[in-house]
Amino acid sequence: MTGQRTGRGGGITAKWHTFTGLPSGLKALIGLSFVVALGSYMVTPFIGVLMVEAVGLDIRVAGVLVAVATFIQFGGSILGGPVVDRLGLKRTMVLALTLRTVGLVLFGLAVKVPWVAYPAVVLVAAGPALYLPANKAYIVTSVSDTLRPLFLGVSSAALNAGMGLGPLLAALLVDADPVLLLIGLAGLFALITAAHQAALKPVERRPARAAAPAGTAPGHQGRKAALRSALRPILFTSLAFYVYFFFQSFMGLYATGAGNIQVLGWVMLLNCAMVVVLQPVWADRIARADYRLLVAGSFALMALGTAAMSLGGVPALLAGTALFTLGEIFLFLRCDLELVDRVPGNPAFAFGVQRLTAGIGGLLAGVIGGFVFAHYQAAGDPDAFWLAVAAQAAGAALLAALLGAGRRTAAQAPAEPEQAVAATR
């Protein structure tokens, strides 16, 4: 166990010693998070392609299924808290991975029996809906408040590394034999499920801090009171994902229309690599920064980045992606920390709310972005699409500057000596 470390000083070496001092189960979970993201993103970006090309569904039906799957994957996470209350963190993760494994098997069978694609998509989406809130809650529950920013940053880095490499590996296999890819991934997730069962130990929920707002006792009324205190972080989390999904969902269409689809891989790799390298290193500073300035500045960076993308050309896209990603690095980690701080004692519910806001933001970005992108594409000026995104990000920055005042998170509060790792059963 790690003793009195706060994780705030000593640079990368001290952070590495803090990591190596953690229990093996927690270290295993962080490593497994990378493998889960790697396997997930070997199939998630290609679901639409697989349903049309391999299963043979009509493209409109496939589009509806992709939209439903996206909302289930994010919005369904609101059920993560109640499921964790009943099953516990470890069992919830094992259940989620089992659902995804079965879904991948059904997806492989759908090539011969097309109607099986419908339950397959639901199960493939339901897996991460339950897994990610429980995964982050396990980390938050297992470390001290002072180590929370560092290890949420490390977890995010592991997930983003998998997200960056998964599509590159899948691109080599999906055209050759999609059924082999799906069955192979089902086998991989079966192994991942077994690894979670073997490596993780159940952890007890930590009691809410004494400084928690009144009315946050467990139960329905406590959750409602906690959510009322978290309305601003929820608003800015929704806006963050709304802006982010313009980039995530429409960069591929933009690159295809510009006749330079190869640049998409470099853009996404740069995005993920920056998160992997920078977020853990800056985690403590992100946690201690002034909330209003950080949120407003993050949206401003996203606005500058998307404005740079509108200039066209590979250098402008890469420079714009770098600026956009800096905003993403600051904003998403701080949004996580704010929600966990304002919904004390129930991190799975807090991360479920966060994922629900992601689903709402992604849904709105998909609907609005589709019309906006089609408009500028028809006008022969697809570069102007990014100016429209930049204007919305700038509006979010202005709103954050006006409404972003808030209390300090636990990471900003004066540090007290405490044990870094929570007790396990």
Protein backbone atom coordinates (compact mmCIF):
# COMPACT_ATOMS: atom_id res chain seq x y z
CA MET A 1 0.00 0.00 0.00
CA THR A 2 0.98 3.56 -0.62
CA GLY A 3 1.31 5.51 2.55
CA GLN A 4 1.06 9.27 2.94
CA ARG A 5 1.73 10.25 -0.65
CA THR A 6 -0.44 12.99 -2.04
CA GLY A 7 0.70 12.64 -5.61
CA ARG A 8 1.15 16.41 -5.90
CA GLY A 9 4.86 16.76 -6.10
CA GLY A 10 8.06 15.07 -7.10
CA GLY A 11 7.34 14.92 -10.82
CA ILE A 12 6.91 11.83 -12.94
CA THR A 13 9.22 9.67 -10.80
CA ALA A 14 7.14 10.24 -7.68
CA LYS A 15 3.95 9.49 -9.62
CA TRP A 16 5.48 6.24 -10.89
CA HIS A 17 6.43 5.19 -7.35
CA THR A 18 2.89 6.00 -6.24
CA PHE A 19 1.52 3.78 -9.02
CA THR A 20 3.87 0.89 -8.25
CA GLY A 21 2.83 1.02 -4.59
CA LEU A 22 -0.82 0.35 -5.36
CA PRO A 23 -2.42 -3.07 -4.83
CA SER A 24 -2.02 -5.47 -7.74
CA GLY A 25 -5.77 -5.51 -8.42
CA LEU A 26 -5.93 -1.76 -9.01
CA LYS A 27 -2.83 -1.82 -11.22
CA ALA A 28 -4.37 -4.72 -13.14
CA LEU A 29 -7.58 -2.75 -13.69
CA ILE A 30 -5.70 0.18 -15.21
CA GLY A 31 -3.86 -2.19 -17.57
CA LEU A 32 -7.07 -4.02 -18.41
CA SER A 33 -8.73 -0.68 -19.17
CA PHE A 34 -6.33 -0.30 -22.08
CA VAL A 35 -7.15 -3.79 -23.39
CA VAL A 36 -10.90 -3.19 -23.02
CA ALA A 37 -10.67 0.08 -24.98
CA LEU A 38 -8.44 -1.56 -27.60
CA GLY A 39 -10.95 -4.37 -28.17
CA SER A 40 -13.95 -2.04 -28.04
CA TYR A 41 -12.55 0.34 -30.64
CA MET A 42 -11.69 -2.52 -32.95
CA VAL A 43 -15.45 -2.86 -33.48
CA THR A 44 -17.21 0.38 -32.40
CA PRO A 45 -16.11 2.61 -35.33
CA PHE A 46 -16.99 -0.15 -37.80
CA ILE A 47 -20.45 -1.16 -36.56
CA GLY A 48 -22.22 0.70 -39.37
CA VAL A 49 -19.89 -0.76 -42.00
CA LEU A 50 -20.29 -4.28 -40.61
CA MET A 51 -24.08 -4.07 -40.56
CA VAL A 52 -24.24 -2.89 -44.18
CA GLU A 53 -21.36 -4.79 -45.77
CA ALA A 54 -21.27 -8.01 -43.73
CA VAL A 55 -24.81 -8.43 -42.39
CA GLY A 56 -26.51 -6.88 -45.43
CA LEU A 57 -28.86 -4.45 -43.65
CA ASP A 58 -30.30 -1.42 -45.42
CA ILE A 59 -28.13 1.62 -44.77
CA ARG A 60 -31.06 3.53 -43.23
CA VAL A 61 -31.77 0.69 -40.82
CA ALA A 62 -28.09 0.50 -39.99
CA GLY A 63 -28.03 4.24 -39.33
CA VAL A 64 -30.91 3.99 -36.88
CA LEU A 65 -29.24 1.07 -35.11
CA VAL A 66 -25.97 3.00 -34.80
CA ALA A 67 -27.84 5.98 -33.30
CA VAL A 68 -29.65 3.71 -30.84
CA ALA A 69 -26.40 1.94 -29.94
CA THR A 70 -24.65 5.26 -29.31
CA PHE A 71 -27.38 6.46 -26.99
CA ILE A 72 -27.50 3.12 -25.13
CA GLN A 73 -23.72 3.12 -24.76
CA PHE A 74 -23.71 6.56 -23.17
CA GLY A 75 -27.21 7.23 -21.85
CA GLY A 76 -27.58 3.71 -20.48
CA SER A 77 -24.78 4.42 -18.03
CA ILE A 78 -27.27 6.17 -15.77
CA LEU A 79 -28.24 2.62 -14.73
CA GLY A 80 -24.67 1.99 -13.59
CA GLY A 81 -25.29 3.38 -10.10
CA PRO A 82 -28.32 1.19 -9.29
CA VAL A 83 -26.62 -1.91 -10.74
CA VAL A 84 -23.50 -1.24 -8.65
CA ASP A 85 -25.68 -0.77 -5.57
CA ARG A 86 -27.06 -4.26 -6.10
CA LEU A 87 -24.05 -6.15 -7.46
CA GLY A 88 -20.98 -4.19 -6.39
CA LEU A 89 -18.27 -2.69 -8.59
CA LYS A 90 -16.41 -5.87 -9.53
CA ARG A 91 -19.52 -7.90 -10.37
CA THR A 92 -20.91 -5.03 -12.43
CA MET A 93 -17.75 -4.91 -14.55
CA VAL A 94 -17.79 -8.68 -15.03
CA LEU A 95 -21.47 -8.56 -16.03
CA ALA A 96 -20.80 -5.72 -18.49
CA LEU A 97 -17.95 -7.58 -20.15
CA THR A 98 -20.05 -10.74 -20.37
CA LEU A 99 -22.81 -8.79 -22.15
CA ARG A 100 -20.32 -7.43 -24.68
CA THR A 101 -18.82 -10.89 -25.25
CA VAL A 102 -22.26 -12.38 -25.99
CA GLY A 103 -23.07 -9.41 -28.23
CA LEU A 104 -19.93 -9.96 -30.32
CA VAL A 105 -20.74 -13.65 -30.73
CA LEU A 106 -24.25 -12.74 -31.91
CA PHE A 107 -22.79 -10.16 -34.28
CA GLY A 108 -20.69 -12.86 -35.87
CA LEU A 109 -23.77 -15.08 -36.24
CA ALA A 110 -25.73 -12.18 -37.78
CA VAL A 111 -23.77 -12.62 -41.01
CA LYS A 112 -25.79 -15.82 -41.52
CA VAL A 113 -28.92 -14.85 -39.52
CA PRO A 114 -29.43 -11.07 -40.07
CA TRP A 115 -32.15 -10.53 -37.43
CA VAL A 116 -29.63 -11.45 -34.73
CA ALA A 117 -27.93 -8.11 -35.44
CA TYR A 118 -30.62 -6.29 -33.44
CA PRO A 119 -29.98 -7.90 -30.03
CA ALA A 120 -26.27 -7.99 -30.86
CA VAL A 121 -26.08 -4.20 -31.19
CA VAL A 122 -27.98 -3.70 -27.94
CA LEU A 123 -25.68 -6.05 -26.01
CA VAL A 124 -22.50 -4.62 -27.54
CA ALA A 125 -23.64 -1.12 -26.50
CA ALA A 126 -24.95 -2.16 -23.07
CA GLY A 127 -21.56 -3.54 -22.06
CA PRO A 128 -19.67 -0.22 -21.92
CA ALA A 129 -22.78 1.52 -20.59
CA LEU A 130 -22.36 -0.47 -17.37
CA TYR A 131 -18.59 -1.01 -17.48
CA LEU A 132 -17.17 2.51 -17.63
CA PRO A 133 -19.01 4.02 -14.62
CA ALA A 134 -18.04 0.99 -12.52
CA ASN A 135 -14.45 1.11 -13.80
CA LYS A 136 -13.94 4.75 -12.84
CA ALA A 137 -15.83 4.31 -9.58
CA TYR A 138 -13.53 1.40 -8.64
CA ILE A 139 -10.52 3.68 -9.11
CA VAL A 140 -12.08 6.58 -7.19
CA THR A 141 -13.11 4.24 -4.37
CA SER A 142 -9.68 2.61 -4.17
CA VAL A 143 -7.51 5.74 -3.83
CA SER A 144 -7.49 8.78 -1.61
CA ASP A 145 -9.05 12.09 -2.61
CA THR A 146 -5.60 13.59 -3.17
CA LEU A 147 -4.65 10.80 -5.58
CA ARG A 148 -7.99 10.91 -7.40
CA PRO A 149 -6.93 13.39 -10.16
CA LEU A 150 -3.74 11.47 -10.93
CA PHE A 151 -5.38 8.07 -11.29
CA LEU A 152 -8.41 9.32 -13.19
CA GLY A 153 -5.86 10.86 -15.57
CA VAL A 154 -3.93 7.57 -15.78
CA SER A 155 -7.18 5.68 -16.43
CA SER A 156 -8.14 8.15 -19.14
CA ALA A 157 -4.70 7.75 -20.71
CA ALA A 158 -5.08 3.95 -20.76
CA LEU A 159 -8.52 4.21 -22.36
CA ASN A 160 -7.35 6.72 -24.97
CA ALA A 161 -4.34 4.59 -25.88
CA GLY A 162 -6.70 1.72 -26.64
CA MET A 163 -9.04 4.01 -28.55
CA GLY A 164 -6.15 5.21 -30.71
CA LEU A 165 -4.70 1.80 -31.55
CA GLY A 166 -7.92 -0.22 -31.85
CA PRO A 167 -9.17 1.23 -35.16
CA LEU A 168 -5.71 0.94 -36.72
CA LEU A 169 -5.56 -2.79 -35.93
CA ALA A 170 -9.16 -3.43 -36.98
CA ALA A 171 -8.66 -1.67 -40.33
CA LEU A 172 -6.21 -4.42 -41.23
CA LEU A 173 -8.75 -7.18 -40.50
CA VAL A 174 -12.24 -5.88 -41.17
CA ASP A 175 -11.93 -6.04 -44.97
CA ALA A 176 -10.32 -9.47 -44.95
CA ASP A 177 -12.81 -11.43 -42.84
CA PRO A 178 -15.28 -9.51 -40.62
CA VAL A 179 -16.64 -12.72 -39.07
CA LEU A 180 -13.15 -13.75 -37.99
CA LEU A 181 -12.65 -10.28 -36.51
CA LEU A 182 -15.88 -10.46 -34.50
CA ILE A 183 -15.37 -14.00 -33.22
CA GLY A 184 -11.75 -13.20 -32.39
CA LEU A 185 -12.88 -10.15 -30.42
CA ALA A 186 -15.48 -12.26 -28.60
CA GLY A 187 -12.68 -14.59 -27.53
CA LEU A 188 -10.57 -11.60 -26.43
CA PHE A 189 -13.42 -10.23 -24.31
CA ALA A 190 -14.00 -13.64 -22.76
CA LEU A 191 -10.36 -13.59 -21.63
CA ILE A 192 -10.72 -10.00 -20.39
CA THR A 193 -13.80 -11.00 -18.39
CA ALA A 194 -11.91 -13.87 -16.78
CA ALA A 195 -8.99 -11.55 -16.00
CA HIS A 196 -11.31 -9.11 -14.20
CA GLN A 197 -12.79 -11.94 -12.19
CA ALA A 198 -9.35 -13.25 -11.21
CA ALA A 199 -7.40 -10.02 -10.65
CA LEU A 200 -9.86 -7.64 -8.96
CA LYS A 201 -10.89 -7.67 -5.35
CA PRO A 202 -14.26 -6.29 -4.21
CA VAL A 203 -13.97 -2.83 -2.63
CA GLU A 204 -16.28 -1.23 -0.15
CA ARG A 205 -17.90 2.09 -0.93
CA ARG A 206 -16.14 4.85 0.96
CA PRO A 207 -18.34 7.02 3.17
CA ALA A 208 -19.18 10.51 1.99
CA ARG A 209 -16.87 13.25 3.28
CA ALA A 210 -18.02 15.36 6.18
CA ALA A 211 -17.96 18.39 3.92
CA ALA A 212 -20.58 16.94 1.62
CA PRO A 213 -23.67 19.11 1.12
CA ALA A 214 -26.70 18.41 3.22
CA GLY A 215 -29.18 16.03 1.68
CA THR A 216 -26.71 13.76 -0.03
CA ALA A 217 -27.54 10.69 1.99
CA PRO A 218 -27.92 7.49 0.02
CA GLY A 219 -31.23 7.02 -1.72
CA HIS A 220 -33.41 8.76 -4.25
CA GLN A 221 -33.80 12.05 -2.35
CA GLY A 222 -30.09 12.21 -1.61
CA ARG A 223 -29.25 11.75 -5.28
CA LYS A 224 -31.70 14.48 -6.29
CA ALA A 225 -30.14 16.90 -3.80
CA ALA A 226 -26.65 16.01 -5.00
CA LEU A 227 -27.65 16.56 -8.61
CA ARG A 228 -29.07 19.98 -7.77
CA SER A 229 -25.67 20.96 -6.40
CA ALA A 230 -24.03 19.65 -9.57
CA LEU A 231 -26.17 21.42 -12.17
CA ARG A 232 -23.36 23.63 -13.45
CA PRO A 233 -20.85 20.80 -13.87
CA ILE A 234 -23.57 18.76 -15.59
CA LEU A 235 -24.28 21.68 -17.95
CA PHE A 236 -20.63 22.12 -18.86
CA THR A 237 -20.09 18.38 -19.24
CA SER A 238 -23.00 18.28 -21.70
CA LEU A 239 -21.56 21.21 -23.65
CA ALA A 240 -18.10 19.62 -23.61
CA PHE A 241 -19.37 16.41 -25.17
CA TYR A 242 -21.58 18.36 -27.56
CA VAL A 243 -18.55 20.20 -28.96
CA TYR A 244 -16.35 17.09 -28.82
CA PHE A 245 -18.75 14.96 -30.88
CA PHE A 246 -18.68 17.48 -33.72
CA PHE A 247 -14.98 16.67 -33.97
CA GLN A 248 -15.35 12.94 -33.31
CA SER A 249 -18.32 12.31 -35.62
CA PHE A 250 -17.63 14.60 -38.57
CA MET A 251 -13.86 14.58 -39.01
CA GLY A 252 -14.13 11.35 -41.02
CA LEU A 253 -16.78 12.80 -43.35
CA TYR A 254 -14.74 15.97 -43.74
CA ALA A 255 -11.56 14.05 -44.55
CA THR A 256 -13.42 11.86 -47.05
CA GLY A 257 -14.95 14.86 -48.76
CA ALA A 258 -11.57 16.54 -48.94
CA GLY A 259 -10.18 13.44 -50.66
CA ASN A 260 -7.62 12.83 -47.93
CA ILE A 261 -9.00 10.04 -45.77
CA GLN A 262 -5.47 9.04 -44.72
CA VAL A 263 -5.17 12.19 -42.63
CA LEU A 264 -8.03 10.94 -40.42
CA GLY A 265 -5.75 8.32 -38.91
CA TRP A 266 -3.09 10.91 -38.09
CA VAL A 267 -5.64 13.31 -36.62
CA MET A 268 -7.15 10.66 -34.32
CA LEU A 269 -3.72 9.31 -33.37
CA LEU A 270 -2.54 12.82 -32.43
CA ASN A 271 -5.70 13.37 -30.40
CA CYS A 272 -5.34 10.14 -28.42
CA ALA A 273 -1.55 10.42 -28.01
CA MET A 274 -1.79 13.90 -26.50
CA VAL A 275 -4.37 12.71 -23.96
CA VAL A 276 -2.25 9.67 -23.08
CA VAL A 277 0.94 11.68 -22.56
CA LEU A 278 -0.29 14.95 -21.07
CA GLN A 279 -3.37 14.28 -18.96
CA PRO A 280 -1.70 12.17 -16.23
CA VAL A 281 1.21 14.63 -16.01
CA TRP A 282 -1.07 17.66 -15.65
CA ALA A 283 -3.77 15.96 -13.56
CA ASP A 284 -2.95 17.67 -10.25
CA ARG A 285 -2.73 21.12 -11.83
CA ILE A 286 -6.04 20.55 -13.60
CA ALA A 287 -7.63 19.63 -10.26
CA ARG A 288 -6.29 22.70 -8.46
CA ALA A 289 -6.93 25.27 -11.21
CA ASP A 290 -9.64 27.90 -10.87
CA TYR A 291 -12.81 26.23 -12.12
CA ARG A 292 -14.22 29.20 -14.05
CA LEU A 293 -10.94 30.01 -15.80
CA LEU A 294 -10.19 26.38 -16.64
CA VAL A 295 -13.61 25.65 -18.15
CA ALA A 296 -13.79 28.92 -20.08
CA GLY A 297 -10.19 28.52 -21.26
CA SER A 298 -10.80 24.93 -22.35
CA PHE A 299 -13.76 25.89 -24.51
CA ALA A 300 -11.71 28.79 -25.91
CA LEU A 301 -8.96 26.33 -26.93
CA MET A 302 -11.59 24.15 -28.64
CA ALA A 303 -12.86 27.23 -30.48
CA LEU A 304 -9.36 28.17 -31.62
CA GLY A 305 -8.67 24.60 -32.69
CA THR A 306 -11.80 24.22 -34.81
CA ALA A 307 -11.24 27.69 -36.30
CA ALA A 308 -7.75 26.56 -37.34
CA MET A 309 -9.25 23.45 -38.96
CA SER A 310 -11.38 25.69 -41.18
CA LEU A 311 -8.21 26.88 -42.93
CA GLY A 312 -7.98 23.50 -44.68
CA GLY A 313 -4.91 21.43 -45.43
CA VAL A 314 -3.10 18.84 -43.35
CA PRO A 315 -0.95 21.27 -41.29
CA ALA A 316 -4.03 23.28 -40.29
CA LEU A 317 -5.95 20.12 -39.35
CA LEU A 318 -3.11 18.82 -37.19
CA ALA A 319 -2.49 22.20 -35.52
CA GLY A 320 -6.20 22.63 -34.92
CA THR A 321 -6.43 19.11 -33.49
CA ALA A 322 -3.57 19.87 -31.08
CA LEU A 323 -5.33 23.01 -29.78
CA PHE A 324 -8.68 21.23 -29.58
CA THR A 325 -7.12 18.31 -27.69
CA LEU A 326 -5.56 20.62 -25.12
CA GLY A 327 -9.03 21.90 -24.31
CA GLU A 328 -10.31 18.33 -24.16
CA ILE A 329 -7.51 17.29 -21.77
CA PHE A 330 -8.31 20.08 -19.31
CA LEU A 331 -12.08 19.97 -19.59
CA PHE A 332 -13.01 16.30 -19.39
CA LEU A 333 -10.84 15.46 -16.38
CA ARG A 334 -12.09 18.48 -14.44
CA CYS A 335 -15.70 17.66 -15.32
CA ASP A 336 -15.16 14.14 -13.91
CA LEU A 337 -13.66 15.52 -10.72
CA GLU A 338 -16.42 18.08 -10.21
CA LEU A 339 -19.19 15.53 -10.61
CA VAL A 340 -17.56 13.03 -8.24
CA ASP A 341 -16.99 15.80 -5.70
CA ARG A 342 -20.59 16.99 -5.80
CA VAL A 343 -22.16 13.53 -5.68
CA PRO A 344 -20.12 12.17 -2.75
CA GLY A 345 -20.23 8.58 -1.66
CA ASN A 346 -21.62 7.30 -4.97
CA PRO A 347 -19.04 7.61 -7.76
CA ALA A 348 -20.75 5.02 -9.96
CA PHE A 349 -23.90 7.16 -10.02
CA ALA A 350 -21.79 10.27 -10.69
CA PHE A 351 -20.06 8.66 -13.66
CA GLY A 352 -23.39 7.32 -14.87
CA VAL A 353 -24.67 10.91 -14.94
CA GLN A 354 -21.51 11.93 -16.77
CA ARG A 355 -22.05 9.26 -19.43
CA LEU A 356 -25.71 10.25 -19.78
CA THR A 357 -24.68 13.83 -20.47
CA ALA A 358 -22.23 12.46 -23.04
CA GLY A 359 -25.07 10.61 -24.75
CA ILE A 360 -27.25 13.72 -24.82
CA GLY A 361 -24.38 15.87 -26.10
CA GLY A 362 -23.48 13.30 -28.75
CA LEU A 363 -27.10 12.93 -29.86
CA LEU A 364 -27.55 16.70 -30.24
CA ALA A 365 -24.21 17.06 -32.01
CA GLY A 366 -25.14 14.26 -34.43
CA VAL A 367 -28.54 15.72 -35.29
CA ILE A 368 -27.48 19.38 -35.51
CA GLY A 369 -24.10 18.60 -37.02
CA GLY A 370 -25.66 16.49 -39.76
CA PHE A 371 -27.79 19.38 -40.98
CA VAL A 372 -24.96 21.91 -40.64
CA PHE A 373 -22.42 19.69 -42.40
CA ALA A 374 -24.87 18.92 -45.23
CA HIS A 375 -25.56 22.65 -45.65
CA TYR A 376 -21.90 23.61 -46.07
CA GLN A 377 -21.15 20.56 -48.19
CA ALA A 378 -24.00 21.49 -50.57
CA ALA A 379 -22.66 25.04 -50.66
CA GLY A 380 -19.24 23.71 -51.70
CA ASP A 381 -17.55 25.09 -48.59
CA PRO A 382 -17.05 22.22 -46.10
CA ASP A 383 -14.23 24.14 -44.37
CA ALA A 384 -16.83 26.59 -43.05
CA PHE A 385 -18.36 23.77 -41.02
CA TRP A 386 -15.51 24.12 -38.54
CA LEU A 387 -16.18 27.84 -38.20
CA ALA A 388 -19.73 26.99 -37.16
CA VAL A 389 -18.33 24.59 -34.54
CA ALA A 390 -15.84 27.23 -33.40
CA ALA A 391 -18.64 29.76 -32.90
CA GLN A 392 -20.51 27.31 -30.67
CA ALA A 393 -17.38 26.52 -28.64
CA ALA A 394 -16.76 30.26 -28.21
CA GLY A 395 -20.34 30.64 -26.98
CA ALA A 396 -19.74 27.86 -24.45
CA ALA A 397 -16.56 29.65 -23.29
CA LEU A 398 -18.53 32.87 -22.74
CA LEU A 399 -21.23 30.99 -20.83
CA ALA A 400 -18.56 29.33 -18.64
CA ALA A 401 -17.00 32.72 -17.91
CA LEU A 402 -20.39 34.02 -16.77
CA LEU A 403 -21.67 30.96 -14.87
CA GLY A 404 -18.60 28.90 -14.05
CA ALA A 405 -18.07 29.99 -10.45
CA GLY A 406 -18.10 27.05 -8.10
CA ARG A 407 -16.63 25.60 -4.95
CA ARG A 408 -13.29 23.89 -4.75
CA THR A 409 -13.01 20.20 -5.41
CA ALA A 410 -11.51 17.85 -2.87
CA ALA A 411 -8.24 17.98 -4.78
CA GLN A 412 -8.08 21.75 -4.14
CA ALA A 413 -8.86 21.50 -0.44
CA PRO A 414 -6.00 21.53 2.05
CA ALA A 415 -4.41 18.14 2.07
CA GLU A 416 -4.62 16.01 5.17
CA PRO A 417 -2.56 12.91 5.81
CA GLU A 418 -4.64 9.94 4.81
CA GLN A 419 -4.12 6.48 3.54
CA ALA A 420 -3.93 6.48 -0.23
CA VAL A 421 -5.65 3.20 -0.84
CA ALA A 422 -9.05 2.28 0.52
CA ALA A 423 -9.49 -0.95 2.40
CA THR A 424 -10.65 -3.99 0.51
CA ARG A 425 -12.86 -6.77 1.68
